[in-house]
Amino acid sequence: MAEKIEEKFQDVIQNIEFGLIGAYREHEKLTDYGADYVVETLIKQYTAELLARTPPPLPKFPLHEQDAYDRVKAMCDLRLGRGQLEDKSGQPLELGGDLGLEDMIACLKRIRTSIQFWTKRRGRRGYYDFVKNYVQ
């Protein structure tokens, strides 16, 4: 039986959600729609890269969505082995940057499905209200 994406890459999904929740906690204007738009944009960017195509131009996000995009992209890039995160003392943190683009896209799509599910179920902040209880 094939392992579900959320089981296989639970840590990656949690890292991405950490970025979304961090922005949500700082910007009261952020809604599930903004989170969905951010994740959709990243899916398009990484898919274009995977297919060796020119990525679509980035949209002009409102400030609160730009913050969410920047946080999530930084986390995705770290997990793809493209950056470095440091702890409070300046020491590099290991997050396992061995993920491929296909797996990253799959993780982002899984998060997008979750955003859409919880938005339909609980309204414009349903996803955030659900996930914030699981992300510290």
Protein backbone atom coordinates (compact mmCIF):
# COMPACT_ATOMS: atom_id res chain seq x y z
CA MET A 1 0.00 0.00 0.00
CA ALA A 2 1.38 3.40 -0.95
CA GLU A 3 2.24 5.75 1.88
CA LYS A 4 0.15 8.92 2.03
CA ILE A 5 1.99 12.14 1.33
CA GLU A 6 1.11 13.55 4.76
CA GLU A 7 2.64 10.50 6.42
CA LYS A 8 5.73 10.32 4.25
CA PHE A 9 6.52 14.03 4.50
CA GLN A 10 4.86 15.01 7.77
CA ASP A 11 7.89 17.07 8.83
CA VAL A 12 7.98 19.00 5.54
CA ILE A 13 4.27 19.75 5.70
CA GLN A 14 4.64 20.93 9.29
CA ASN A 15 7.57 23.17 8.29
CA ILE A 16 5.48 24.77 5.55
CA GLU A 17 2.49 25.20 7.86
CA PHE A 18 4.81 26.81 10.42
CA GLY A 19 5.55 29.51 7.84
CA LEU A 20 1.86 30.06 7.14
CA ILE A 21 0.92 30.19 10.81
CA GLY A 22 3.80 32.56 11.61
CA ALA A 23 2.44 35.04 9.08
CA TYR A 24 -1.14 34.49 10.27
CA ARG A 25 -0.20 35.32 13.85
CA GLU A 26 1.36 38.61 12.74
CA HIS A 27 -1.25 39.72 10.22
CA GLU A 28 -4.90 39.74 11.19
CA LYS A 29 -5.88 40.43 7.58
CA LEU A 30 -4.54 37.06 6.41
CA THR A 31 -7.29 34.64 5.42
CA ASP A 32 -7.42 31.15 3.99
CA TYR A 33 -7.86 32.70 0.55
CA GLY A 34 -4.46 34.40 0.92
CA ALA A 35 -2.85 31.17 2.12
CA ASP A 36 -4.35 29.31 -0.84
CA TYR A 37 -3.06 31.95 -3.25
CA VAL A 38 0.43 31.79 -1.74
CA VAL A 39 0.58 28.00 -1.95
CA GLU A 40 -0.87 27.98 -5.48
CA THR A 41 1.78 30.49 -6.59
CA LEU A 42 4.56 28.33 -5.17
CA ILE A 43 3.16 25.25 -6.88
CA LYS A 44 3.24 27.11 -10.20
CA GLN A 45 6.79 28.37 -9.59
CA TYR A 46 8.20 24.97 -8.65
CA THR A 47 6.29 23.18 -11.41
CA ALA A 48 7.74 25.54 -14.01
CA GLU A 49 11.21 24.86 -12.62
CA LEU A 50 10.62 21.10 -12.69
CA LEU A 51 9.55 21.30 -16.33
CA ALA A 52 12.45 23.62 -17.23
CA ARG A 53 10.03 26.38 -18.20
CA THR A 54 10.06 30.06 -17.41
CA PRO A 55 8.03 30.54 -14.25
CA PRO A 56 5.08 32.90 -14.37
CA PRO A 57 5.79 36.36 -12.97
CA LEU A 58 5.13 36.66 -9.26
CA PRO A 59 1.93 38.48 -8.39
CA LYS A 60 1.99 41.73 -6.45
CA PHE A 61 0.85 40.35 -3.12
CA PRO A 62 -0.60 42.55 -0.40
CA LEU A 63 1.92 42.96 2.45
CA HIS A 64 0.38 40.25 4.64
CA GLU A 65 0.32 37.72 1.80
CA GLN A 66 3.86 38.69 0.75
CA ASP A 67 5.04 37.89 4.27
CA ALA A 68 3.32 34.48 4.10
CA TYR A 69 4.85 33.84 0.66
CA ASP A 70 8.35 34.81 1.82
CA ARG A 71 8.14 32.59 4.90
CA VAL A 72 6.80 29.56 3.05
CA LYS A 73 9.20 29.94 0.12
CA ALA A 74 12.16 30.21 2.50
CA MET A 75 11.06 27.03 4.26
CA CYS A 76 10.51 25.19 0.97
CA ASP A 77 13.90 26.29 -0.32
CA LEU A 78 15.55 25.09 2.88
CA ARG A 79 13.93 21.70 2.49
CA LEU A 80 15.11 21.64 -1.13
CA GLY A 81 18.67 22.26 0.07
CA ARG A 82 18.83 25.85 -1.18
CA GLY A 83 19.38 27.81 1.95
CA GLN A 84 20.43 27.74 5.55
CA LEU A 85 18.65 28.44 8.79
CA GLU A 86 20.48 29.34 11.97
CA ASP A 87 19.55 28.90 15.62
CA LYS A 88 19.68 31.77 18.13
CA SER A 89 23.43 31.30 18.62
CA GLY A 90 24.14 31.46 14.88
CA GLN A 91 24.75 27.75 14.41
CA PRO A 92 23.31 26.17 11.24
CA LEU A 93 20.23 24.02 11.68
CA GLU A 94 19.80 20.82 9.72
CA LEU A 95 16.36 20.36 8.21
CA GLY A 96 17.16 17.64 5.75
CA GLY A 97 17.49 19.45 2.45
CA ASP A 98 17.25 16.32 0.34
CA LEU A 99 13.74 16.81 -0.97
CA GLY A 100 13.13 16.90 -4.71
CA LEU A 101 10.86 19.29 -6.58
CA GLU A 102 8.24 16.61 -7.26
CA ASP A 103 7.93 15.83 -3.55
CA MET A 104 7.82 19.52 -2.62
CA ILE A 105 5.04 20.11 -5.13
CA ALA A 106 3.15 17.12 -3.72
CA CYS A 107 3.47 18.55 -0.19
CA LEU A 108 2.24 21.96 -1.33
CA LYS A 109 -0.70 20.37 -3.13
CA ARG A 110 -1.61 18.45 0.02
CA ILE A 111 -1.58 21.68 2.03
CA ARG A 112 -3.70 23.37 -0.60
CA THR A 113 -6.26 20.57 -0.39
CA SER A 114 -6.34 21.05 3.38
CA ILE A 115 -6.79 24.82 3.04
CA GLN A 116 -9.71 24.36 0.66
CA PHE A 117 -11.32 21.66 2.84
CA TRP A 118 -11.20 23.69 6.05
CA THR A 119 -12.28 26.90 4.32
CA LYS A 120 -15.40 25.18 3.01
CA ARG A 121 -16.07 23.60 6.38
CA ARG A 122 -15.35 26.52 8.73
CA GLY A 123 -15.25 29.71 6.69
CA ARG A 124 -12.65 32.24 5.64
CA ARG A 125 -10.20 31.38 8.45
CA GLY A 126 -11.17 27.74 8.88
CA TYR A 127 -7.80 26.37 7.82
CA TYR A 128 -5.86 28.72 10.08
CA ASP A 129 -8.20 28.12 13.01
CA PHE A 130 -7.71 24.38 12.60
CA VAL A 131 -3.94 24.29 11.99
CA LYS A 132 -2.90 26.85 14.61
CA ASN A 133 -3.68 24.29 17.32
CA TYR A 134 -1.08 21.90 15.91
CA VAL A 135 1.74 24.31 15.02
CA GLN A 136 3.64 26.01 17.83
